[in-house]
Amino acid sequence: MPDFLLLFPDIDSPKTGGEIYDKWFLDRLHTRKKCKTLTSNMTGKIGSFFSMVKYLLKIRYFLTFRYIVTNSRFYPRLLPLFILLRLLGFKGQIIMTHHHFNFMTHQGIMRFCHKICELGCLKLSDRLIIPSPYTRDMVREHC
């Protein structure tokens, strides 16, 4: 069984700086380590909900890995999984790449809800990979 489980969107042709960095990072991990990749193309609220349910149903599968590596933009679908993993005594490490705060794109009560979920997900991770010095400073401020 591979040590690394990679949970990332399917990035065939990266368009943004974060996607380019994630693709480079994933390619580098695949060349050096035995990895299993679980990609998700489901987007939107319904896709995020079904991904979350799918991940929760595979909880035993997640417990078999030493490292779970993912992108922080999946926080709506990953927060329940990470909470459950911690409650079940997951001994591995959760590693997240973080490029920007999504909650800052929302307003009002939605901004508050997204902030709680996004920061909670970041705090449940063991390590953060933050390529941008600006974002790194923001993480230090908010976390």
C-alpha atoms as a PDB file:
ATOM      1  CA  MET A   1       0.000   0.000   0.000  1.00  0.00           C
ATOM      2  CA  PRO A   2       1.387   3.414  -0.894  1.00  0.00           C
ATOM      3  CA  ASP A   3       2.226   5.780   1.969  1.00  0.00           C
ATOM      4  CA  PHE A   4       0.788   8.886   0.304  1.00  0.00           C
ATOM      5  CA  LEU A   5      -2.812   9.581  -0.645  1.00  0.00           C
ATOM      6  CA  LEU A   6      -3.125  12.639  -2.875  1.00  0.00           C
ATOM      7  CA  LEU A   7      -6.534  14.368  -2.944  1.00  0.00           C
ATOM      8  CA  PHE A   8      -6.417  16.975  -5.690  1.00  0.00           C
ATOM      9  CA  PRO A   9      -8.565  18.174  -8.557  1.00  0.00           C
ATOM     10  CA  ASP A  10      -7.754  16.683 -11.927  1.00  0.00           C
ATOM     11  CA  ILE A  11      -5.220  19.167 -13.363  1.00  0.00           C
ATOM     12  CA  ASP A  12      -4.536  18.299 -16.993  1.00  0.00           C
ATOM     13  CA  SER A  13      -3.905  21.822 -18.229  1.00  0.00           C
ATOM     14  CA  PRO A  14      -3.166  24.180 -15.338  1.00  0.00           C
ATOM     15  CA  LYS A  15      -4.323  27.774 -15.809  1.00  0.00           C
ATOM     16  CA  THR A  16      -3.550  29.552 -12.545  1.00  0.00           C
ATOM     17  CA  GLY A  17      -0.339  29.862 -10.569  1.00  0.00           C
ATOM     18  CA  GLY A  18      -1.746  27.613  -7.848  1.00  0.00           C
ATOM     19  CA  GLU A  19      -2.662  24.916 -10.368  1.00  0.00           C
ATOM     20  CA  ILE A  20       0.801  25.115 -11.956  1.00  0.00           C
ATOM     21  CA  TYR A  21       2.431  24.774  -8.537  1.00  0.00           C
ATOM     22  CA  ASP A  22       0.135  21.874  -7.536  1.00  0.00           C
ATOM     23  CA  LYS A  23       0.819  20.020 -10.800  1.00  0.00           C
ATOM     24  CA  TRP A  24       4.580  20.461 -10.338  1.00  0.00           C
ATOM     25  CA  PHE A  25       4.299  19.322  -6.707  1.00  0.00           C
ATOM     26  CA  LEU A  26       2.221  16.240  -7.594  1.00  0.00           C
ATOM     27  CA  ASP A  27       4.544  15.254 -10.440  1.00  0.00           C
ATOM     28  CA  ARG A  28       7.517  15.561  -8.104  1.00  0.00           C
ATOM     29  CA  LEU A  29       5.828  13.441  -5.413  1.00  0.00           C
ATOM     30  CA  HIS A  30       4.922  10.746  -7.944  1.00  0.00           C
ATOM     31  CA  THR A  31       8.533  10.436  -9.107  1.00  0.00           C
ATOM     32  CA  ARG A  32       9.914  10.052  -5.578  1.00  0.00           C
ATOM     33  CA  LYS A  33       7.249   8.255  -3.557  1.00  0.00           C
ATOM     34  CA  LYS A  34       4.621   5.559  -3.953  1.00  0.00           C
ATOM     35  CA  CYS A  35       1.394   7.510  -4.165  1.00  0.00           C
ATOM     36  CA  LYS A  36      -2.272   6.818  -4.697  1.00  0.00           C
ATOM     37  CA  THR A  37      -4.204   9.670  -6.276  1.00  0.00           C
ATOM     38  CA  LEU A  38      -7.880  10.357  -5.704  1.00  0.00           C
ATOM     39  CA  THR A  39      -9.033  13.131  -8.016  1.00  0.00           C
ATOM     40  CA  SER A  40     -12.299  14.990  -7.983  1.00  0.00           C
ATOM     41  CA  ASN A  41     -13.888  16.920 -10.820  1.00  0.00           C
ATOM     42  CA  MET A  42     -17.125  17.469  -8.916  1.00  0.00           C
ATOM     43  CA  THR A  43     -17.687  21.169  -8.412  1.00  0.00           C
ATOM     44  CA  GLY A  44     -20.380  23.334  -6.904  1.00  0.00           C
ATOM     45  CA  LYS A  45     -22.405  22.751  -3.767  1.00  0.00           C
ATOM     46  CA  ILE A  46     -23.944  19.463  -4.904  1.00  0.00           C
ATOM     47  CA  GLY A  47     -20.634  18.051  -6.157  1.00  0.00           C
ATOM     48  CA  SER A  48     -18.916  19.098  -2.939  1.00  0.00           C
ATOM     49  CA  PHE A  49     -21.626  17.410  -0.871  1.00  0.00           C
ATOM     50  CA  PHE A  50     -21.390  14.129  -2.815  1.00  0.00           C
ATOM     51  CA  SER A  51     -17.593  14.180  -2.583  1.00  0.00           C
ATOM     52  CA  MET A  52     -17.853  14.672   1.176  1.00  0.00           C
ATOM     53  CA  VAL A  53     -20.249  11.713   1.503  1.00  0.00           C
ATOM     54  CA  LYS A  54     -18.015   9.578  -0.715  1.00  0.00           C
ATOM     55  CA  TYR A  55     -14.976  10.407   1.435  1.00  0.00           C
ATOM     56  CA  LEU A  56     -16.821   9.675   4.688  1.00  0.00           C
ATOM     57  CA  LEU A  57     -17.949   6.287   3.364  1.00  0.00           C
ATOM     58  CA  LYS A  58     -14.300   5.435   2.596  1.00  0.00           C
ATOM     59  CA  ILE A  59     -13.042   6.346   6.079  1.00  0.00           C
ATOM     60  CA  ARG A  60     -11.303   2.981   6.586  1.00  0.00           C
ATOM     61  CA  TYR A  61      -9.448   3.474   3.317  1.00  0.00           C
ATOM     62  CA  PHE A  62      -8.169   6.858   4.490  1.00  0.00           C
ATOM     63  CA  LEU A  63      -6.953   5.372   7.762  1.00  0.00           C
ATOM     64  CA  THR A  64      -4.526   3.067   5.894  1.00  0.00           C
ATOM     65  CA  PHE A  65      -2.273   5.908   4.671  1.00  0.00           C
ATOM     66  CA  ARG A  66       0.605   7.556   6.499  1.00  0.00           C
ATOM     67  CA  TYR A  67       0.164  10.870   4.677  1.00  0.00           C
ATOM     68  CA  ILE A  68      -2.884  12.543   3.175  1.00  0.00           C
ATOM     69  CA  VAL A  69      -1.875  15.408   0.897  1.00  0.00           C
ATOM     70  CA  THR A  70      -4.497  17.799  -0.441  1.00  0.00           C
ATOM     71  CA  ASN A  71      -5.311  21.332  -1.494  1.00  0.00           C
ATOM     72  CA  SER A  72      -6.985  23.593   1.055  1.00  0.00           C
ATOM     73  CA  ARG A  73      -9.613  24.707  -1.443  1.00  0.00           C
ATOM     74  CA  PHE A  74     -11.361  21.374  -0.797  1.00  0.00           C
ATOM     75  CA  TYR A  75     -12.095  22.449   2.783  1.00  0.00           C
ATOM     76  CA  PRO A  76     -15.927  22.182   2.498  1.00  0.00           C
ATOM     77  CA  ARG A  77     -15.727  18.508   1.596  1.00  0.00           C
ATOM     78  CA  LEU A  78     -12.690  17.665   3.750  1.00  0.00           C
ATOM     79  CA  LEU A  79     -13.530  19.251   7.101  1.00  0.00           C
ATOM     80  CA  PRO A  80     -15.965  16.473   8.200  1.00  0.00           C
ATOM     81  CA  LEU A  81     -13.460  13.845   7.021  1.00  0.00           C
ATOM     82  CA  PHE A  82     -10.577  15.419   8.940  1.00  0.00           C
ATOM     83  CA  ILE A  83     -12.676  15.733  12.107  1.00  0.00           C
ATOM     84  CA  LEU A  84     -13.684  12.073  11.864  1.00  0.00           C
ATOM     85  CA  LEU A  85     -10.099  10.972  11.151  1.00  0.00           C
ATOM     86  CA  ARG A  86      -8.905  12.803  14.274  1.00  0.00           C
ATOM     87  CA  LEU A  87     -11.717  11.312  16.379  1.00  0.00           C
ATOM     88  CA  LEU A  88     -10.777   7.828  15.170  1.00  0.00           C
ATOM     89  CA  GLY A  89      -7.145   8.375  16.169  1.00  0.00           C
ATOM     90  CA  PHE A  90      -5.578   8.783  12.713  1.00  0.00           C
ATOM     91  CA  LYS A  91      -1.831   8.355  13.252  1.00  0.00           C
ATOM     92  CA  GLY A  92      -0.766   9.746   9.885  1.00  0.00           C
ATOM     93  CA  GLN A  93      -0.204  13.314   8.824  1.00  0.00           C
ATOM     94  CA  ILE A  94      -2.484  15.631   6.911  1.00  0.00           C
ATOM     95  CA  ILE A  95      -0.536  17.929   4.598  1.00  0.00           C
ATOM     96  CA  MET A  96      -2.255  20.773   2.739  1.00  0.00           C
ATOM     97  CA  THR A  97      -1.119  23.168   0.046  1.00  0.00           C
ATOM     98  CA  HIS A  98      -2.660  26.584   0.624  1.00  0.00           C
ATOM     99  CA  HIS A  99      -2.632  29.354  -1.984  1.00  0.00           C
ATOM    100  CA  HIS A 100      -5.273  31.839  -0.801  1.00  0.00           C
ATOM    101  CA  PHE A 101      -8.186  32.292   1.576  1.00  0.00           C
ATOM    102  CA  ASN A 102     -11.508  31.540  -0.059  1.00  0.00           C
ATOM    103  CA  PHE A 103     -13.546  33.073   2.764  1.00  0.00           C
ATOM    104  CA  MET A 104     -12.357  36.527   1.699  1.00  0.00           C
ATOM    105  CA  THR A 105     -14.369  36.214  -1.520  1.00  0.00           C
ATOM    106  CA  HIS A 106     -17.650  35.989   0.429  1.00  0.00           C
ATOM    107  CA  GLN A 107     -19.709  38.563   2.313  1.00  0.00           C
ATOM    108  CA  GLY A 108     -21.853  38.637   5.419  1.00  0.00           C
ATOM    109  CA  ILE A 109     -22.810  35.413   7.163  1.00  0.00           C
ATOM    110  CA  MET A 110     -21.370  33.300   4.322  1.00  0.00           C
ATOM    111  CA  ARG A 111     -17.965  34.892   4.912  1.00  0.00           C
ATOM    112  CA  PHE A 112     -18.176  33.989   8.602  1.00  0.00           C
ATOM    113  CA  CYS A 113     -19.248  30.383   7.888  1.00  0.00           C
ATOM    114  CA  HIS A 114     -16.531  29.876   5.267  1.00  0.00           C
ATOM    115  CA  LYS A 115     -13.928  31.429   7.562  1.00  0.00           C
ATOM    116  CA  ILE A 116     -14.788  29.031  10.404  1.00  0.00           C
ATOM    117  CA  CYS A 117     -14.673  26.007   8.059  1.00  0.00           C
ATOM    118  CA  GLU A 118     -11.541  27.030   6.152  1.00  0.00           C
ATOM    119  CA  LEU A 119      -9.524  27.970   9.253  1.00  0.00           C
ATOM    120  CA  GLY A 120     -10.762  24.822  11.009  1.00  0.00           C
ATOM    121  CA  CYS A 121      -9.543  22.687   8.145  1.00  0.00           C
ATOM    122  CA  LEU A 122      -6.157  24.416   8.147  1.00  0.00           C
ATOM    123  CA  LYS A 123      -5.824  23.920  11.901  1.00  0.00           C
ATOM    124  CA  LEU A 124      -6.622  20.203  11.616  1.00  0.00           C
ATOM    125  CA  SER A 125      -3.747  19.712   9.182  1.00  0.00           C
ATOM    126  CA  ASP A 126      -0.307  18.765  10.482  1.00  0.00           C
ATOM    127  CA  ARG A 127       1.658  20.664   7.862  1.00  0.00           C
ATOM    128  CA  LEU A 128       0.924  23.488   5.477  1.00  0.00           C
ATOM    129  CA  ILE A 129       2.763  24.099   2.226  1.00  0.00           C
ATOM    130  CA  ILE A 130       2.350  27.784   1.387  1.00  0.00           C
ATOM    131  CA  PRO A 131       4.297  28.979  -1.678  1.00  0.00           C
ATOM    132  CA  SER A 132       3.360  32.662  -1.295  1.00  0.00           C
ATOM    133  CA  PRO A 133       5.000  34.812   1.409  1.00  0.00           C
ATOM    134  CA  TYR A 134       1.876  37.019   1.456  1.00  0.00           C
ATOM    135  CA  THR A 135      -0.406  34.052   2.119  1.00  0.00           C
ATOM    136  CA  ARG A 136       2.047  32.733   4.717  1.00  0.00           C
ATOM    137  CA  ASP A 137       1.762  36.030   6.606  1.00  0.00           C
ATOM    138  CA  MET A 138      -2.035  35.874   6.343  1.00  0.00           C
ATOM    139  CA  VAL A 139      -2.034  32.329   7.776  1.00  0.00           C
ATOM    140  CA  ARG A 140       0.077  33.480  10.713  1.00  0.00           C
ATOM    141  CA  GLU A 141      -2.397  36.304  11.300  1.00  0.00           C
ATOM    142  CA  HIS A 142      -5.569  34.196  11.103  1.00  0.00           C
ATOM    143  CA  CYS A 143      -4.459  30.844  12.528  1.00  0.00           C
END
